[in-house]
Amino acid sequence: MEFLKKHQFIILGVLVGALLGYAYYHFIGCTNGCTITSSPFNSTLYGAIWGGLFLNLFNKKS
């Protein structure tokens, strides 16, 4: 439980980023040669990584 409390911003960023990455694939996407948005897995993974990295900026250092 302490792990979740300590890393709550990173976990939230990963979840929101994954949702936004999949939404980008679904609504905008690309079918011809786009390496990130051509598959839902790539787009979701890319969004999750960037979401986690972005909200990690706001994580307090102990």
PDB file of N, CA and C in Angstrom:
ATOM      1  N   MET A   1       0.810  -1.187   0.000  1.00  0.00           N
ATOM      2  CA  MET A   1       0.000   0.000   0.000  1.00  0.00           C
ATOM      3  C   MET A   1       0.863   1.264   0.000  1.00  0.00           C
ATOM      4  N   GLU A   2       1.991   1.191   0.654  1.00  0.00           N
ATOM      5  CA  GLU A   2       2.906   2.330   0.683  1.00  0.00           C
ATOM      6  C   GLU A   2       3.460   2.612  -0.709  1.00  0.00           C
ATOM      7  N   PHE A   3       3.684   1.549  -1.483  1.00  0.00           N
ATOM      8  CA  PHE A   3       4.186   1.716  -2.849  1.00  0.00           C
ATOM      9  C   PHE A   3       3.203   2.520  -3.693  1.00  0.00           C
ATOM     10  N   LEU A   4       1.909   2.196  -3.576  1.00  0.00           N
ATOM     11  CA  LEU A   4       0.895   2.910  -4.355  1.00  0.00           C
ATOM     12  C   LEU A   4       0.812   4.377  -3.950  1.00  0.00           C
ATOM     13  N   LYS A   5       0.918   4.633  -2.649  1.00  0.00           N
ATOM     14  CA  LYS A   5       0.850   6.016  -2.182  1.00  0.00           C
ATOM     15  C   LYS A   5       2.084   6.809  -2.615  1.00  0.00           C
ATOM     16  N   LYS A   6       3.237   6.159  -2.603  1.00  0.00           N
ATOM     17  CA  LYS A   6       4.473   6.827  -2.966  1.00  0.00           C
ATOM     18  C   LYS A   6       4.530   7.158  -4.455  1.00  0.00           C
ATOM     19  N   HIS A   7       3.982   6.286  -5.279  1.00  0.00           N
ATOM     20  CA  HIS A   7       4.074   6.436  -6.734  1.00  0.00           C
ATOM     21  C   HIS A   7       2.716   6.735  -7.374  1.00  0.00           C
ATOM     22  N   GLN A   8       1.834   7.387  -6.650  1.00  0.00           N
ATOM     23  CA  GLN A   8       0.482   7.606  -7.158  1.00  0.00           C
ATOM     24  C   GLN A   8       0.445   8.500  -8.396  1.00  0.00           C
ATOM     25  N   PHE A   9       1.298   9.499  -8.478  1.00  0.00           N
ATOM     26  CA  PHE A   9       1.299  10.365  -9.653  1.00  0.00           C
ATOM     27  C   PHE A   9       1.797   9.630 -10.889  1.00  0.00           C
ATOM     28  N   ILE A  10       2.779   8.793 -10.721  1.00  0.00           N
ATOM     29  CA  ILE A  10       3.305   8.047 -11.864  1.00  0.00           C
ATOM     30  C   ILE A  10       2.261   7.061 -12.374  1.00  0.00           C
ATOM     31  N   ILE A  11       1.608   6.348 -11.455  1.00  0.00           N
ATOM     32  CA  ILE A  11       0.584   5.379 -11.845  1.00  0.00           C
ATOM     33  C   ILE A  11      -0.586   6.079 -12.526  1.00  0.00           C
ATOM     34  N   LEU A  12      -0.995   7.207 -11.981  1.00  0.00           N
ATOM     35  CA  LEU A  12      -2.079   7.972 -12.591  1.00  0.00           C
ATOM     36  C   LEU A  12      -1.677   8.451 -13.987  1.00  0.00           C
ATOM     37  N   GLY A  13      -0.445   8.903 -14.124  1.00  0.00           N
ATOM     38  CA  GLY A  13       0.032   9.346 -15.428  1.00  0.00           C
ATOM     39  C   GLY A  13       0.071   8.231 -16.450  1.00  0.00           C
ATOM     40  N   VAL A  14       0.476   7.036 -16.018  1.00  0.00           N
ATOM     41  CA  VAL A  14       0.507   5.882 -16.925  1.00  0.00           C
ATOM     42  C   VAL A  14      -0.906   5.534 -17.385  1.00  0.00           C
ATOM     43  N   LEU A  15      -1.853   5.527 -16.462  1.00  0.00           N
ATOM     44  CA  LEU A  15      -3.229   5.176 -16.822  1.00  0.00           C
ATOM     45  C   LEU A  15      -3.866   6.215 -17.749  1.00  0.00           C
ATOM     46  N   VAL A  16      -3.717   7.481 -17.405  1.00  0.00           N
ATOM     47  CA  VAL A  16      -4.297   8.536 -18.246  1.00  0.00           C
ATOM     48  C   VAL A  16      -3.591   8.588 -19.599  1.00  0.00           C
ATOM     49  N   GLY A  17      -2.274   8.431 -19.597  1.00  0.00           N
ATOM     50  CA  GLY A  17      -1.534   8.428 -20.850  1.00  0.00           C
ATOM     51  C   GLY A  17      -1.924   7.265 -21.752  1.00  0.00           C
ATOM     52  N   ALA A  18      -2.152   6.104 -21.160  1.00  0.00           N
ATOM     53  CA  ALA A  18      -2.584   4.944 -21.951  1.00  0.00           C
ATOM     54  C   ALA A  18      -3.962   5.187 -22.563  1.00  0.00           C
ATOM     55  N   LEU A  19      -4.856   5.760 -21.785  1.00  0.00           N
ATOM     56  CA  LEU A  19      -6.187   6.074 -22.321  1.00  0.00           C
ATOM     57  C   LEU A  19      -6.109   7.093 -23.454  1.00  0.00           C
ATOM     58  N   LEU A  20      -5.304   8.116 -23.254  1.00  0.00           N
ATOM     59  CA  LEU A  20      -5.172   9.136 -24.301  1.00  0.00           C
ATOM     60  C   LEU A  20      -4.456   8.595 -25.536  1.00  0.00           C
ATOM     61  N   GLY A  21      -3.486   7.714 -25.325  1.00  0.00           N
ATOM     62  CA  GLY A  21      -2.804   7.106 -26.462  1.00  0.00           C
ATOM     63  C   GLY A  21      -3.732   6.244 -27.296  1.00  0.00           C
ATOM     64  N   TYR A  22      -4.581   5.464 -26.618  1.00  0.00           N
ATOM     65  CA  TYR A  22      -5.539   4.642 -27.361  1.00  0.00           C
ATOM     66  C   TYR A  22      -6.592   5.521 -28.045  1.00  0.00           C
ATOM     67  N   ALA A  23      -7.021   6.567 -27.357  1.00  0.00           N
ATOM     68  CA  ALA A  23      -8.000   7.475 -27.960  1.00  0.00           C
ATOM     69  C   ALA A  23      -7.423   8.129 -29.208  1.00  0.00           C
ATOM     70  N   TYR A  24      -6.150   8.484 -29.161  1.00  0.00           N
ATOM     71  CA  TYR A  24      -5.506   9.065 -30.342  1.00  0.00           C
ATOM     72  C   TYR A  24      -5.500   8.065 -31.496  1.00  0.00           C
ATOM     73  N   TYR A  25      -5.181   6.808 -31.196  1.00  0.00           N
ATOM     74  CA  TYR A  25      -5.203   5.778 -32.243  1.00  0.00           C
ATOM     75  C   TYR A  25      -6.611   5.628 -32.808  1.00  0.00           C
ATOM     76  N   HIS A  26      -7.585   5.582 -31.928  1.00  0.00           N
ATOM     77  CA  HIS A  26      -8.958   5.301 -32.357  1.00  0.00           C
ATOM     78  C   HIS A  26      -9.561   6.439 -33.172  1.00  0.00           C
ATOM     79  N   PHE A  27      -9.376   7.678 -32.720  1.00  0.00           N
ATOM     80  CA  PHE A  27     -10.041   8.789 -33.367  1.00  0.00           C
ATOM     81  C   PHE A  27      -9.217   9.449 -34.470  1.00  0.00           C
ATOM     82  N   ILE A  28      -7.911   9.459 -34.341  1.00  0.00           N
ATOM     83  CA  ILE A  28      -7.070  10.140 -35.329  1.00  0.00           C
ATOM     84  C   ILE A  28      -6.296   9.114 -36.145  1.00  0.00           C
ATOM     85  N   GLY A  29      -5.439   8.337 -35.460  1.00  0.00           N
ATOM     86  CA  GLY A  29      -4.732   7.223 -36.064  1.00  0.00           C
ATOM     87  C   GLY A  29      -4.071   7.480 -37.407  1.00  0.00           C
ATOM     88  N   CYS A  30      -3.462   6.450 -37.917  1.00  0.00           N
ATOM     89  CA  CYS A  30      -2.784   6.515 -39.203  1.00  0.00           C
ATOM     90  C   CYS A  30      -2.699   5.087 -39.726  1.00  0.00           C
ATOM     91  N   THR A  31      -2.855   4.903 -41.010  1.00  0.00           N
ATOM     92  CA  THR A  31      -2.808   3.558 -41.571  1.00  0.00           C
ATOM     93  C   THR A  31      -1.631   3.327 -42.511  1.00  0.00           C
ATOM     94  N   ASN A  32      -0.945   4.366 -42.923  1.00  0.00           N
ATOM     95  CA  ASN A  32       0.121   4.210 -43.910  1.00  0.00           C
ATOM     96  C   ASN A  32       1.474   4.627 -43.360  1.00  0.00           C
ATOM     97  N   GLY A  33       2.185   3.705 -42.735  1.00  0.00           N
ATOM     98  CA  GLY A  33       3.567   3.948 -42.377  1.00  0.00           C
ATOM     99  C   GLY A  33       3.832   4.677 -41.077  1.00  0.00           C
ATOM    100  N   CYS A  34       2.849   4.970 -40.293  1.00  0.00           N
ATOM    101  CA  CYS A  34       3.087   5.634 -39.008  1.00  0.00           C
ATOM    102  C   CYS A  34       3.436   4.563 -37.975  1.00  0.00           C
ATOM    103  N   THR A  35       4.626   4.607 -37.443  1.00  0.00           N
ATOM    104  CA  THR A  35       5.059   3.530 -36.557  1.00  0.00           C
ATOM    105  C   THR A  35       4.381   3.572 -35.193  1.00  0.00           C
ATOM    106  N   ILE A  36       4.055   4.742 -34.700  1.00  0.00           N
ATOM    107  CA  ILE A  36       3.456   4.838 -33.369  1.00  0.00           C
ATOM    108  C   ILE A  36       1.949   4.659 -33.437  1.00  0.00           C
ATOM    109  N   THR A  37       1.290   5.341 -34.327  1.00  0.00           N
ATOM    110  CA  THR A  37      -0.175   5.326 -34.324  1.00  0.00           C
ATOM    111  C   THR A  37      -0.784   4.295 -35.262  1.00  0.00           C
ATOM    112  N   SER A  38       0.010   3.417 -35.843  1.00  0.00           N
ATOM    113  CA  SER A  38      -0.546   2.438 -36.765  1.00  0.00           C
ATOM    114  C   SER A  38      -1.147   1.237 -36.043  1.00  0.00           C
ATOM    115  N   SER A  39      -0.775   1.001 -34.802  1.00  0.00           N
ATOM    116  CA  SER A  39      -1.375  -0.103 -34.047  1.00  0.00           C
ATOM    117  C   SER A  39      -1.805   0.397 -32.674  1.00  0.00           C
ATOM    118  N   PRO A  40      -2.879  -0.174 -32.127  1.00  0.00           N
ATOM    119  CA  PRO A  40      -3.346   0.287 -30.821  1.00  0.00           C
ATOM    120  C   PRO A  40      -2.350  -0.001 -29.701  1.00  0.00           C
ATOM    121  N   PHE A  41      -1.602  -1.091 -29.815  1.00  0.00           N
ATOM    122  CA  PHE A  41      -0.623  -1.420 -28.777  1.00  0.00           C
ATOM    123  C   PHE A  41       0.486  -0.373 -28.710  1.00  0.00           C
ATOM    124  N   ASN A  42       1.037  -0.016 -29.855  1.00  0.00           N
ATOM    125  CA  ASN A  42       2.111   0.984 -29.887  1.00  0.00           C
ATOM    126  C   ASN A  42       1.639   2.332 -29.370  1.00  0.00           C
ATOM    127  N   SER A  43       0.474   2.753 -29.809  1.00  0.00           N
ATOM    128  CA  SER A  43      -0.048   4.047 -29.407  1.00  0.00           C
ATOM    129  C   SER A  43      -0.352   4.089 -27.909  1.00  0.00           C
ATOM    130  N   THR A  44      -0.929   3.019 -27.368  1.00  0.00           N
ATOM    131  CA  THR A  44      -1.239   2.948 -25.942  1.00  0.00           C
ATOM    132  C   THR A  44       0.034   2.910 -25.116  1.00  0.00           C
ATOM    133  N   LEU A  45       1.006   2.142 -25.526  1.00  0.00           N
ATOM    134  CA  LEU A  45       2.274   2.056 -24.799  1.00  0.00           C
ATOM    135  C   LEU A  45       3.015   3.386 -24.820  1.00  0.00           C
ATOM    136  N   TYR A  46       3.047   4.029 -25.955  1.00  0.00           N
ATOM    137  CA  TYR A  46       3.707   5.324 -26.085  1.00  0.00           C
ATOM    138  C   TYR A  46       3.043   6.368 -25.190  1.00  0.00           C
ATOM    139  N   GLY A  47       1.712   6.383 -25.183  1.00  0.00           N
ATOM    140  CA  GLY A  47       0.985   7.314 -24.324  1.00  0.00           C
ATOM    141  C   GLY A  47       1.211   7.031 -22.848  1.00  0.00           C
ATOM    142  N   ALA A  48       1.278   5.754 -22.468  1.00  0.00           N
ATOM    143  CA  ALA A  48       1.510   5.392 -21.072  1.00  0.00           C
ATOM    144  C   ALA A  48       2.893   5.832 -20.605  1.00  0.00           C
ATOM    145  N   ILE A  49       3.877   5.649 -21.440  1.00  0.00           N
ATOM    146  CA  ILE A  49       5.243   6.061 -21.070  1.00  0.00           C
ATOM    147  C   ILE A  49       5.314   7.570 -20.900  1.00  0.00           C
ATOM    148  N   TRP A  50       4.776   8.322 -21.853  1.00  0.00           N
ATOM    149  CA  TRP A  50       4.832   9.784 -21.758  1.00  0.00           C
ATOM    150  C   TRP A  50       3.989  10.316 -20.613  1.00  0.00           C
ATOM    151  N   GLY A  51       2.851   9.678 -20.348  1.00  0.00           N
ATOM    152  CA  GLY A  51       2.028  10.100 -19.217  1.00  0.00           C
ATOM    153  C   GLY A  51       2.734   9.883 -17.890  1.00  0.00           C
ATOM    154  N   GLY A  52       3.387   8.738 -17.741  1.00  0.00           N
ATOM    155  CA  GLY A  52       4.138   8.462 -16.517  1.00  0.00           C
ATOM    156  C   GLY A  52       5.310   9.400 -16.340  1.00  0.00           C
ATOM    157  N   LEU A  53       6.007   9.685 -17.415  1.00  0.00           N
ATOM    158  CA  LEU A  53       7.140  10.605 -17.326  1.00  0.00           C
ATOM    159  C   LEU A  53       6.693  12.029 -17.004  1.00  0.00           C
ATOM    160  N   PHE A  54       5.585  12.442 -17.593  1.00  0.00           N
ATOM    161  CA  PHE A  54       5.120  13.807 -17.361  1.00  0.00           C
ATOM    162  C   PHE A  54       4.681  14.005 -15.912  1.00  0.00           C
ATOM    163  N   LEU A  55       3.874  13.099 -15.378  1.00  0.00           N
ATOM    164  CA  LEU A  55       3.411  13.289 -14.004  1.00  0.00           C
ATOM    165  C   LEU A  55       4.500  12.960 -12.986  1.00  0.00           C
ATOM    166  N   ASN A  56       5.559  12.313 -13.399  1.00  0.00           N
ATOM    167  CA  ASN A  56       6.694  12.103 -12.508  1.00  0.00           C
ATOM    168  C   ASN A  56       7.377  13.432 -12.179  1.00  0.00           C
ATOM    169  N   LEU A  57       7.207  14.422 -13.024  1.00  0.00           N
ATOM    170  CA  LEU A  57       7.768  15.737 -12.742  1.00  0.00           C
ATOM    171  C   LEU A  57       7.183  16.347 -11.472  1.00  0.00           C
ATOM    172  N   PHE A  58       5.948  15.985 -11.142  1.00  0.00           N
ATOM    173  CA  PHE A  58       5.273  16.549  -9.980  1.00  0.00           C
ATOM    174  C   PHE A  58       5.390  15.686  -8.736  1.00  0.00           C
ATOM    175  N   ASN A  59       6.116  14.577  -8.828  1.00  0.00           N
ATOM    176  CA  ASN A  59       6.302  13.676  -7.700  1.00  0.00           C
ATOM    177  C   ASN A  59       7.303  14.286  -6.720  1.00  0.00           C
ATOM    178  N   LYS A  60       6.922  14.380  -5.448  1.00  0.00           N
ATOM    179  CA  LYS A  60       7.815  14.942  -4.453  1.00  0.00           C
ATOM    180  C   LYS A  60       8.932  13.967  -4.130  1.00  0.00           C
ATOM    181  N   LYS A  61      10.133  14.460  -4.060  1.00  0.00           N
ATOM    182  CA  LYS A  61      11.286  13.629  -3.708  1.00  0.00           C
ATOM    183  C   LYS A  61      11.373  13.546  -2.197  1.00  0.00           C
ATOM    184  N   SER A  62      11.647  12.347  -1.702  1.00  0.00           N
ATOM    185  CA  SER A  62      11.746  12.201  -0.239  1.00  0.00           C
ATOM    186  C   SER A  62      13.182  12.086   0.213  1.00  0.00           C
TER     187      SER A  62
END
